[in-house]
Amino acid sequence: MDNALQCEIASLFVQSLNLEIAAEDIDPQAPLYGEGLGLDSIDVLEVALLLSKRYGVHLRADDAQNQQIFRSLQTLTAYVAARRTK
């Protein structure tokens, strides 16, 4: 796992969504939806757009894998690391 990338993505969450938690305090294995970080579908869309711009990773709203991709910071980081073009 790329810890630097995970930290970058956690920082993106905090900055773009104005979360009241420090990036380093986000549990990489905690759920992103509901419990855990508490994101909703609009938050996820915003993050997906940022990831696309920053890393060249294309995430589609109708992708059947989205629930797995956005399960946790750890799974999202692994997805970005495997598919980034920037």
Protein backbone atom coordinates (compact mmCIF):
# COMPACT_ATOMS: atom_id res chain seq x y z
CA MET A 1 0.00 0.00 0.00
CA ASP A 2 1.26 3.45 -0.93
CA ASN A 3 1.08 5.35 2.37
CA ALA A 4 1.99 8.69 0.78
CA LEU A 5 -0.88 8.33 -1.68
CA GLN A 6 -3.23 7.31 1.10
CA CYS A 7 -2.27 10.44 3.05
CA GLU A 8 -2.80 12.61 -0.05
CA ILE A 9 -6.27 11.16 -0.63
CA ALA A 10 -7.18 11.56 3.05
CA SER A 11 -6.10 15.21 2.81
CA LEU A 12 -8.27 15.64 -0.29
CA PHE A 13 -11.26 14.34 1.67
CA VAL A 14 -10.64 16.76 4.54
CA GLN A 15 -9.99 19.82 2.36
CA SER A 16 -12.63 19.34 -0.31
CA LEU A 17 -15.41 18.21 2.01
CA ASN A 18 -14.51 20.52 4.92
CA LEU A 19 -14.38 17.60 7.33
CA GLU A 20 -13.82 18.32 10.99
CA ILE A 21 -11.19 15.63 11.34
CA ALA A 22 -7.46 15.64 10.64
CA ALA A 23 -6.40 13.61 7.61
CA GLU A 24 -4.08 11.49 9.74
CA ASP A 25 -7.00 10.60 12.04
CA ILE A 26 -9.00 8.93 9.27
CA ASP A 27 -9.00 5.18 9.84
CA PRO A 28 -7.94 3.66 6.48
CA GLN A 29 -10.19 0.65 7.06
CA ALA A 30 -13.27 2.48 8.31
CA PRO A 31 -16.30 2.71 6.00
CA LEU A 32 -16.55 5.91 3.96
CA TYR A 33 -20.38 5.84 3.79
CA GLY A 34 -22.64 6.24 6.80
CA GLU A 35 -20.65 5.04 9.80
CA GLY A 36 -16.97 5.76 9.75
CA LEU A 37 -16.29 8.92 7.75
CA GLY A 38 -20.01 9.53 7.15
CA LEU A 39 -19.93 10.49 3.47
CA ASP A 40 -23.06 10.64 1.34
CA SER A 41 -23.45 10.12 -2.40
CA ILE A 42 -22.84 13.82 -3.20
CA ASP A 43 -19.58 13.73 -1.23
CA VAL A 44 -18.46 10.66 -3.16
CA LEU A 45 -19.25 12.34 -6.49
CA GLU A 46 -17.19 15.36 -5.47
CA VAL A 47 -14.26 13.16 -4.44
CA ALA A 48 -14.51 11.15 -7.67
CA LEU A 49 -14.22 14.37 -9.69
CA LEU A 50 -11.18 15.47 -7.69
CA LEU A 51 -9.51 12.08 -8.11
CA SER A 52 -10.11 12.26 -11.84
CA LYS A 53 -8.55 15.71 -12.12
CA ARG A 54 -5.61 14.99 -9.84
CA TYR A 55 -4.71 11.41 -10.72
CA GLY A 56 -6.40 10.78 -14.07
CA VAL A 57 -8.56 8.04 -12.56
CA HIS A 58 -11.94 7.77 -14.24
CA LEU A 59 -14.80 6.74 -11.97
CA ARG A 60 -18.27 6.37 -13.42
CA ALA A 61 -21.46 6.79 -11.44
CA ASP A 62 -22.93 3.64 -12.98
CA ASP A 63 -19.92 1.41 -12.23
CA ALA A 64 -21.06 -1.70 -10.36
CA GLN A 65 -17.74 -1.72 -8.48
CA ASN A 66 -18.26 1.71 -6.84
CA GLN A 67 -19.49 0.26 -3.58
CA GLN A 68 -16.32 -1.82 -3.30
CA ILE A 69 -14.03 0.99 -4.54
CA PHE A 70 -15.40 3.49 -2.01
CA ARG A 71 -15.70 0.97 0.83
CA SER A 72 -12.78 2.54 2.74
CA LEU A 73 -9.84 4.88 2.30
CA GLN A 74 -7.66 1.80 1.91
CA THR A 75 -9.71 0.31 -0.96
CA LEU A 76 -9.99 3.67 -2.69
CA THR A 77 -6.24 4.24 -2.44
CA ALA A 78 -5.53 0.79 -3.89
CA TYR A 79 -7.88 1.52 -6.80
CA VAL A 80 -6.25 4.89 -7.51
CA ALA A 81 -2.72 3.45 -7.22
CA ALA A 82 -3.54 0.74 -9.76
CA ARG A 83 -5.17 3.06 -12.29
CA ARG A 84 -3.59 6.49 -11.96
CA THR A 85 -2.25 8.15 -15.08
CA LYS A 86 -0.86 11.31 -13.44
